[in-house]
Protein backbone atom coordinates (compact mmCIF):
# COMPACT_ATOMS: atom_id res chain seq x y z
CA MET A 1 -4.57 2.95 -54.35
CA GLY A 2 -6.07 5.72 -52.22
CA MET A 3 -8.64 8.12 -53.59
CA THR A 4 -7.19 11.02 -55.50
CA MET A 5 -8.30 14.57 -54.65
CA SER A 6 -10.80 14.63 -57.49
CA GLN A 7 -12.67 11.58 -56.18
CA VAL A 8 -13.55 12.89 -52.72
CA PRO A 9 -17.35 12.54 -52.53
CA GLN A 10 -19.65 15.47 -51.89
CA ILE A 11 -20.97 16.11 -48.42
CA ARG A 12 -24.41 17.53 -47.74
CA ILE A 13 -25.25 20.20 -45.19
CA PRO A 14 -28.79 21.15 -44.10
CA ALA A 15 -29.52 24.61 -45.50
CA THR A 16 -32.33 26.97 -46.44
CA TYR A 17 -32.24 29.33 -49.42
CA MET A 18 -34.17 32.46 -48.46
CA ARG A 19 -35.10 35.87 -49.76
CA GLY A 20 -35.05 38.68 -47.22
CA GLY A 21 -36.01 42.13 -48.46
CA THR A 22 -34.25 42.68 -51.80
CA SER A 23 -31.48 40.16 -51.02
CA LYS A 24 -31.20 36.40 -50.88
CA GLY A 25 -28.77 34.03 -49.27
CA VAL A 26 -28.03 30.56 -47.95
CA PHE A 27 -29.02 30.12 -44.29
CA PHE A 28 -27.52 27.57 -41.90
CA ARG A 29 -28.15 26.58 -38.31
CA LEU A 30 -24.77 26.77 -36.60
CA THR A 31 -25.15 23.25 -35.24
CA ASP A 32 -25.76 21.84 -38.74
CA LEU A 33 -22.35 22.96 -40.02
CA PRO A 34 -19.46 20.46 -39.98
CA GLU A 35 -17.74 20.76 -36.60
CA VAL A 36 -14.61 22.44 -37.97
CA ALA A 37 -16.82 25.17 -39.54
CA GLN A 38 -18.80 25.81 -36.37
CA LEU A 39 -16.01 28.14 -35.26
CA ALA A 40 -14.93 31.29 -37.10
CA GLY A 41 -11.86 30.80 -39.26
CA GLU A 42 -10.43 29.52 -42.51
CA ALA A 43 -12.46 26.28 -42.67
CA ARG A 44 -15.76 28.14 -42.27
CA ASP A 45 -14.79 30.75 -44.88
CA LYS A 46 -13.69 28.08 -47.39
CA LEU A 47 -16.92 26.13 -46.86
CA LEU A 48 -19.10 29.19 -47.45
CA LEU A 49 -17.06 30.25 -50.49
CA ARG A 50 -17.57 26.80 -52.03
CA VAL A 51 -21.31 26.82 -51.23
CA ILE A 52 -21.75 30.18 -52.99
CA GLY A 53 -19.39 29.33 -55.88
CA SER A 54 -16.52 31.76 -55.24
CA PRO A 55 -13.97 32.79 -56.18
CA ASP A 56 -15.20 32.83 -59.77
CA PRO A 57 -12.99 34.61 -62.32
CA TYR A 58 -15.94 34.44 -64.73
CA GLY A 59 -17.98 36.50 -62.23
CA LYS A 60 -21.03 34.21 -62.55
CA GLN A 61 -20.92 31.83 -59.53
CA THR A 62 -22.27 29.12 -61.85
CA ASP A 63 -20.91 26.30 -59.67
CA GLY A 64 -22.63 27.47 -56.51
CA MET A 65 -25.69 29.06 -54.95
CA GLY A 66 -24.63 32.68 -55.48
CA GLY A 67 -26.39 34.95 -57.94
CA ALA A 68 -23.28 36.92 -58.98
CA THR A 69 -24.38 40.22 -57.42
CA SER A 70 -23.66 41.69 -54.00
CA SER A 71 -27.36 41.16 -53.10
CA THR A 72 -27.26 37.44 -53.84
CA SER A 73 -23.76 36.42 -52.69
CA LYS A 74 -24.68 36.10 -49.04
CA THR A 75 -24.53 33.55 -46.23
CA VAL A 76 -26.14 33.51 -42.79
CA ILE A 77 -25.45 31.43 -39.68
CA VAL A 78 -28.13 31.37 -36.97
CA SER A 79 -27.91 29.87 -33.48
CA LYS A 80 -29.87 29.95 -30.23
CA SER A 81 -28.74 32.99 -28.25
CA GLU A 82 -27.02 32.71 -24.87
CA LEU A 83 -27.80 36.37 -24.19
CA PRO A 84 -30.70 37.36 -21.93
CA ASP A 85 -33.76 38.77 -23.73
CA HIS A 86 -32.60 37.50 -27.13
CA ASP A 87 -33.84 34.50 -29.10
CA VAL A 88 -31.11 33.99 -31.69
CA ASP A 89 -27.65 35.12 -32.72
CA TYR A 90 -27.34 36.12 -36.38
CA LEU A 91 -23.96 36.08 -38.11
CA PHE A 92 -23.72 37.40 -41.68
CA GLY A 93 -21.01 36.58 -44.22
CA GLN A 94 -20.80 38.68 -47.40
CA VAL A 95 -19.03 36.47 -49.94
CA ALA A 96 -16.83 38.15 -52.53
CA ILE A 97 -17.56 37.05 -56.09
CA ASP A 98 -14.17 37.08 -57.82
CA LYS A 99 -11.86 36.61 -54.85
CA ALA A 100 -11.55 34.14 -51.98
CA PHE A 101 -12.83 36.45 -49.28
CA VAL A 102 -15.74 36.43 -46.82
CA ASP A 103 -16.39 39.83 -45.23
CA TRP A 104 -17.68 39.60 -41.64
CA SER A 105 -17.43 43.34 -40.91
CA GLY A 106 -21.10 44.31 -41.22
CA ASN A 107 -24.74 43.33 -41.19
CA CYS A 108 -27.17 42.64 -44.02
CA GLY A 109 -30.28 44.59 -43.08
CA ASN A 110 -32.39 43.03 -45.82
CA LEU A 111 -31.70 39.45 -44.73
CA THR A 112 -32.53 40.37 -41.13
CA ALA A 113 -36.24 39.89 -41.88
CA ALA A 114 -35.52 36.37 -43.10
CA VAL A 115 -33.58 35.60 -39.90
CA GLY A 116 -36.78 36.17 -37.90
CA ALA A 117 -38.74 33.75 -40.05
CA PHE A 118 -35.89 31.20 -40.15
CA ALA A 119 -35.57 31.29 -36.35
CA ILE A 120 -39.24 30.39 -35.87
CA SER A 121 -39.37 27.73 -38.60
CA ASN A 122 -36.25 26.07 -37.18
CA GLU A 123 -37.63 26.08 -33.62
CA LEU A 124 -34.90 28.36 -32.32
CA VAL A 125 -37.49 30.60 -30.62
CA GLU A 126 -39.03 29.35 -27.37
CA ALA A 127 -42.37 27.74 -28.28
CA ALA A 128 -44.17 29.63 -25.51
CA ARG A 129 -43.33 32.93 -27.24
CA VAL A 130 -44.83 31.88 -30.58
CA PRO A 131 -48.59 32.33 -30.97
CA GLU A 132 -50.76 30.18 -33.23
CA ASN A 133 -52.00 33.39 -34.91
CA GLY A 134 -50.85 36.98 -34.61
CA SER A 135 -47.30 38.30 -34.47
CA VAL A 136 -44.13 37.34 -32.65
CA ALA A 137 -41.28 39.75 -31.91
CA VAL A 138 -38.16 37.73 -32.67
CA ARG A 139 -35.27 39.22 -30.70
CA ILE A 140 -32.08 38.96 -32.72
CA TRP A 141 -28.53 39.58 -31.61
CA GLN A 142 -26.63 40.73 -34.71
CA ALA A 143 -23.23 39.22 -33.93
CA ASN A 144 -21.20 41.08 -36.60
CA ILE A 145 -22.07 44.53 -35.25
CA ARG A 146 -23.15 43.53 -31.72
CA LYS A 147 -26.61 45.06 -31.96
CA SER A 148 -30.15 44.07 -31.08
CA ILE A 149 -32.74 43.90 -33.85
CA ILE A 150 -36.40 42.96 -33.48
CA VAL A 151 -38.31 41.40 -36.36
CA ASN A 152 -42.08 41.23 -36.00
CA VAL A 153 -43.03 38.02 -37.79
CA PRO A 154 -46.69 37.31 -38.64
CA MET A 155 -48.01 33.85 -37.75
CA ARG A 156 -50.98 32.01 -39.24
CA ASP A 157 -52.21 28.60 -38.08
CA GLY A 158 -48.96 27.94 -36.25
CA VAL A 159 -46.60 28.67 -39.13
CA VAL A 160 -44.80 31.78 -40.36
CA GLN A 161 -47.00 33.71 -42.77
CA GLU A 162 -44.91 34.35 -45.88
CA THR A 163 -47.54 35.32 -48.44
CA GLY A 164 -49.48 38.57 -48.42
CA ASP A 165 -50.07 41.79 -50.29
CA PHE A 166 -47.12 43.87 -49.04
CA GLU A 167 -45.20 45.27 -52.02
CA LEU A 168 -41.51 46.07 -51.72
CA ASP A 169 -39.90 47.91 -54.62
CA GLY A 170 -37.08 45.75 -55.97
CA VAL A 171 -38.97 42.51 -55.24
CA THR A 172 -41.22 41.26 -58.03
CA PHE A 173 -43.96 39.50 -56.06
CA PRO A 174 -45.93 40.66 -53.00
CA ALA A 175 -45.46 38.93 -49.63
CA ALA A 176 -46.26 39.31 -45.93
CA GLU A 177 -45.04 42.49 -44.24
CA MET A 178 -42.49 42.21 -41.43
CA GLN A 179 -41.63 45.32 -39.41
CA VAL A 180 -37.93 45.42 -38.57
CA GLU A 181 -36.71 47.52 -35.62
CA PHE A 182 -32.99 48.26 -35.47
CA MET A 183 -32.37 49.15 -31.80
CA ASP A 184 -29.75 51.79 -30.97
CA PRO A 185 -28.43 51.57 -34.55
CA ALA A 186 -25.35 53.74 -33.92
CA ASP A 187 -22.76 52.30 -31.59
CA GLY A 188 -24.24 54.04 -28.57
CA GLU A 189 -20.87 55.53 -27.59
CA GLY A 190 -21.72 59.02 -28.86
CA SER A 191 -19.71 58.36 -32.03
CA MET A 192 -22.59 58.15 -34.46
CA PHE A 193 -20.59 60.86 -36.23
CA PRO A 194 -17.02 59.57 -35.85
CA THR A 195 -15.45 62.93 -36.78
CA GLY A 196 -17.77 64.85 -34.48
CA ASN A 197 -19.19 66.76 -37.46
CA LEU A 198 -22.54 66.49 -39.25
CA VAL A 199 -20.80 67.59 -42.47
CA ASP A 200 -17.10 67.18 -43.20
CA ASP A 201 -14.77 68.38 -45.92
CA LEU A 202 -13.44 65.18 -47.45
CA ASP A 203 -10.28 65.58 -49.52
CA VAL A 204 -10.27 63.11 -52.40
CA PRO A 205 -7.29 62.96 -54.78
CA GLY A 206 -8.35 63.87 -58.31
CA LEU A 207 -11.69 65.27 -57.15
CA GLY A 208 -10.72 67.97 -54.68
CA THR A 209 -12.75 68.60 -51.55
CA LEU A 210 -16.24 67.11 -51.25
CA LYS A 211 -18.87 67.84 -48.61
CA ALA A 212 -19.62 64.55 -46.82
CA THR A 213 -21.75 63.30 -43.95
CA LEU A 214 -19.91 60.41 -42.28
CA ILE A 215 -22.33 58.46 -40.12
CA ASN A 216 -22.20 55.19 -38.26
CA ALA A 217 -25.82 54.04 -38.01
CA GLY A 218 -26.95 50.69 -39.36
CA ILE A 219 -23.64 50.50 -41.19
CA PRO A 220 -20.82 53.04 -41.53
CA THR A 221 -21.86 55.21 -44.50
CA ILE A 222 -20.33 58.08 -46.44
CA PHE A 223 -22.98 60.41 -47.92
CA ILE A 224 -22.06 62.94 -50.60
CA ASN A 225 -24.15 65.25 -52.77
CA ALA A 226 -24.95 63.83 -56.21
CA GLU A 227 -24.29 67.14 -57.95
CA ASP A 228 -20.78 67.37 -56.48
CA VAL A 229 -19.82 64.32 -58.54
CA SER A 230 -21.90 65.32 -61.61
CA TYR A 231 -24.86 63.01 -60.99
CA THR A 232 -28.57 63.78 -60.57
CA GLY A 233 -29.49 61.08 -58.03
CA CYS A 234 -31.89 59.52 -60.58
CA GLU A 235 -29.34 57.10 -62.03
CA LEU A 236 -30.04 53.41 -62.64
CA GLN A 237 -27.41 50.67 -62.35
CA ASP A 238 -26.23 50.74 -65.97
CA ALA A 239 -25.34 54.45 -65.80
CA ILE A 240 -22.61 53.69 -63.27
CA ASN A 241 -21.83 49.97 -63.31
CA GLY A 242 -20.74 50.05 -66.95
CA ASP A 243 -18.43 53.01 -66.29
CA ASP A 244 -15.10 51.88 -64.88
CA SER A 245 -13.91 55.43 -64.20
CA ALA A 246 -17.08 56.17 -62.19
CA LEU A 247 -16.65 52.98 -60.15
CA ALA A 248 -13.00 53.84 -59.52
CA MET A 249 -14.02 57.35 -58.41
CA PHE A 250 -16.56 56.01 -55.92
CA GLU A 251 -14.04 53.50 -54.59
CA THR A 252 -11.53 56.33 -54.08
CA ILE A 253 -14.17 58.36 -52.21
CA ARG A 254 -15.04 55.28 -50.13
CA ALA A 255 -11.39 54.58 -49.28
CA HIS A 256 -10.65 58.14 -48.16
CA GLY A 257 -13.93 58.36 -46.25
CA ALA A 258 -13.05 55.11 -44.47
CA VAL A 259 -9.77 56.65 -43.27
CA LYS A 260 -11.55 59.81 -42.10
CA MET A 261 -14.06 57.64 -40.21
CA GLY A 262 -11.20 55.84 -38.47
CA LEU A 263 -12.16 52.45 -39.95
CA ILE A 264 -8.79 51.95 -41.63
CA ALA A 265 -5.38 53.61 -41.13
CA ASP A 266 -4.41 53.80 -44.81
CA PHE A 267 -6.72 54.15 -47.83
CA LYS A 268 -4.96 51.17 -49.46
CA GLU A 269 -6.58 48.91 -46.82
CA ALA A 270 -10.04 49.62 -48.26
CA ALA A 271 -9.58 46.92 -50.92
CA GLY A 272 -9.66 44.28 -48.17
CA ARG A 273 -12.76 45.76 -46.57
CA GLN A 274 -15.30 45.90 -49.37
CA HIS A 275 -18.49 45.50 -47.30
CA THR A 276 -17.93 48.56 -45.08
CA PRO A 277 -18.18 51.49 -45.19
CA LYS A 278 -20.83 52.12 -47.83
CA VAL A 279 -20.77 55.16 -50.12
CA ALA A 280 -24.00 56.84 -51.22
CA PHE A 281 -25.05 60.04 -52.96
CA VAL A 282 -28.13 62.12 -52.26
CA ALA A 283 -30.19 64.68 -54.15
CA LYS A 284 -33.35 66.72 -53.71
CA PRO A 285 -36.48 64.97 -55.04
CA SER A 286 -37.02 64.89 -58.79
CA ALA A 287 -39.11 62.76 -61.14
CA TYR A 288 -37.51 59.54 -62.33
CA THR A 289 -38.24 56.17 -63.88
CA SER A 290 -37.30 53.05 -61.93
CA SER A 291 -35.52 50.00 -63.35
CA SER A 292 -38.87 48.25 -63.88
CA GLY A 293 -40.11 51.19 -65.99
CA LYS A 294 -42.42 52.66 -63.34
CA SER A 295 -42.60 56.45 -63.21
CA PHE A 296 -42.26 58.40 -59.98
CA ALA A 297 -43.04 62.08 -59.49
CA ALA A 298 -40.86 64.39 -57.40
CA SER A 299 -43.81 64.64 -55.00
CA ASP A 300 -43.69 60.86 -54.36
CA ILE A 301 -40.39 61.11 -52.47
CA ASP A 302 -38.60 63.27 -49.91
CA LEU A 303 -35.17 62.75 -51.46
CA SER A 304 -33.25 60.54 -53.91
CA VAL A 305 -30.46 58.22 -52.77
CA ARG A 306 -28.17 55.95 -54.73
CA ALA A 307 -25.74 53.65 -52.94
CA LEU A 308 -22.88 51.39 -53.89
CA SER A 309 -22.33 47.95 -52.40
CA MET A 310 -19.28 45.76 -53.02
CA GLY A 311 -18.06 48.20 -55.66
CA LYS A 312 -21.27 48.44 -57.72
CA LEU A 313 -24.37 50.61 -57.69
CA HIS A 314 -27.01 48.66 -55.74
CA HIS A 315 -30.22 47.68 -57.55
CA ALA A 316 -32.37 49.06 -54.72
CA MET A 317 -31.10 49.94 -51.24
CA MET A 318 -29.19 47.96 -48.66
CA GLY A 319 -31.28 47.66 -45.50
CA THR A 320 -28.38 48.80 -43.34
CA ALA A 321 -27.80 51.88 -45.51
CA ALA A 322 -31.55 52.61 -45.30
CA VAL A 323 -31.07 52.76 -41.51
CA ALA A 324 -28.26 55.27 -42.06
CA ILE A 325 -30.52 57.28 -44.41
CA GLY A 326 -33.44 57.37 -41.97
CA THR A 327 -31.17 58.31 -39.07
CA ALA A 328 -29.24 61.01 -40.94
CA ALA A 329 -32.47 62.42 -42.37
CA ALA A 330 -33.84 62.93 -38.86
CA ILE A 331 -30.83 65.03 -37.77
CA PRO A 332 -30.97 68.68 -38.90
CA GLY A 333 -27.97 69.74 -40.97
CA THR A 334 -26.69 66.45 -42.42
CA LEU A 335 -26.47 66.22 -46.21
CA VAL A 336 -29.28 63.64 -46.12
CA ASN A 337 -31.47 65.95 -44.03
CA LEU A 338 -30.78 68.93 -46.29
CA ALA A 339 -31.62 66.92 -49.43
CA ALA A 340 -34.91 65.97 -47.75
CA GLY A 341 -35.73 69.63 -47.11
CA GLY A 342 -34.43 70.07 -43.56
CA GLY A 343 -36.50 70.02 -40.38
CA CYS A 344 -36.68 66.98 -38.09
CA PRO A 345 -38.60 64.31 -40.03
CA SER A 346 -39.40 61.15 -38.04
CA SER A 347 -39.60 59.23 -41.33
CA VAL A 348 -38.72 59.79 -44.97
CA VAL A 349 -39.60 58.17 -48.28
CA PHE A 350 -36.56 58.02 -50.52
CA GLY A 351 -36.22 57.10 -54.17
CA HIS A 352 -33.81 54.32 -55.21
CA PRO A 353 -33.22 52.58 -58.57
CA SER A 354 -36.06 50.07 -58.02
CA GLY A 355 -38.63 52.52 -56.60
CA THR A 356 -39.17 53.99 -53.15
CA LEU A 357 -38.69 52.97 -49.53
CA LYS A 358 -40.00 54.46 -46.30
CA VAL A 359 -37.70 54.44 -43.29
CA GLY A 360 -38.18 55.98 -39.86
CA ALA A 361 -35.86 56.84 -37.00
CA GLU A 362 -36.17 58.03 -33.42
CA VAL A 363 -33.28 60.35 -32.57
CA VAL A 364 -32.53 62.46 -29.49
CA GLU A 365 -29.91 65.06 -28.67
CA VAL A 366 -28.13 64.35 -25.37
CA ASP A 367 -25.47 66.81 -24.17
CA GLY A 368 -25.01 68.12 -27.69
CA GLN A 369 -24.53 64.61 -29.12
CA TRP A 370 -27.08 63.01 -31.39
CA GLN A 371 -28.18 59.49 -30.51
CA ALA A 372 -30.46 57.14 -32.38
CA ARG A 373 -32.89 55.11 -30.27
CA LYS A 374 -34.13 52.99 -33.13
CA ALA A 375 -34.73 52.84 -36.86
CA LEU A 376 -37.75 51.15 -38.42
CA MET A 377 -38.60 49.78 -41.81
CA SER A 378 -40.86 47.16 -43.35
CA ARG A 379 -39.40 44.19 -45.22
CA SER A 380 -40.66 40.77 -46.28
CA ALA A 381 -39.07 37.34 -46.43
CA ARG A 382 -39.76 33.98 -48.01
CA VAL A 383 -38.25 30.51 -48.07
CA LEU A 384 -37.26 29.74 -51.67
CA MET A 385 -35.89 26.24 -51.14
CA GLU A 386 -34.90 24.02 -48.25
CA GLY A 387 -33.04 20.77 -47.82
CA TRP A 388 -29.30 20.24 -48.16
CA VAL A 389 -26.60 22.10 -49.99
CA ARG A 390 -23.78 19.95 -51.37
CA ILE A 391 -20.07 20.69 -51.66
CA PRO A 392 -17.02 18.53 -52.37
CA GLY A 393 -15.78 17.03 -49.12
CA ASP A 394 -12.25 18.40 -49.59
CA SER A 395 -13.23 22.03 -50.10
CA PHE A 396 -12.59 23.20 -46.54
């Protein structure tokens, strides 16, 4: 008698479970994956789904490494880069929770910081570039969006420094600060604003016409004014995530914005493209209380932003959307810029459900087109666990 399906033993794959910014995910070296999963395709997707514990109709990912939120249902594959002036290639897979789907269409800005640390710890960065003490600029090629990102990783006594006193709202414990530089965060083709407008009229069935800033920087993002959809910009997750009609409204806005941005041909395609674009709403600064109960005054921030990721209001802010915020804020006349009081700010502090975040951008106007040279923000990263992840041998 041969083995039945249910008796196929588990296999183990070297993996590292890491926090990066306000996200966490399972990190793999490309060469550690089973050969069939070293190439993009169905086997790789199935393997990562099983690692994370999706699809889970219970929405809990109990039988996997996922944490049942968009911020914790993430996978990363890192390899030595073949490109000149780059150390590693970083491929990000956003794993759906309740369906069998891995979205490869965008980056995770938060996990980028962890990629820098992972690259050094796994000896994927040339040893000559890594000092015993000080800082090393890890040069990352973000393979999903084909962009360069630099993570400045602190070193102490020959190892990555993970502990420190840098506080990041949305992360409970302090850690070491890592400055992340997103180079040329738009696509560099002059289509940072795919419609050619800083503000568009977006027609949304059931809502009428909304003012929207449609920007492709960091990640394609649709910004609307909070007040136009009857919000204040001070909302916490429960105000929206428990309201099915609100979630449906934001998904409708996202779908129609995606068509206007040229990302999809028909709004019905948005269901199969959950990771991009993002939808966010902005408001002028006002006092609010964060999810941890901390009070913020209007004077603590330049504007308020709330963003949705994978169909839910995010607990803090996606790193990629923070790039979009910083870039749009620096360009006079966008909805983000107007909420922040206009002008040409080189950095802004925005309020999000977990607190505040500072993000900077360098923008220039060339022949009447705005271009972003880089966006900057501080993150932190930490290894939570390392070893092997196990999955049934017949799951891919």
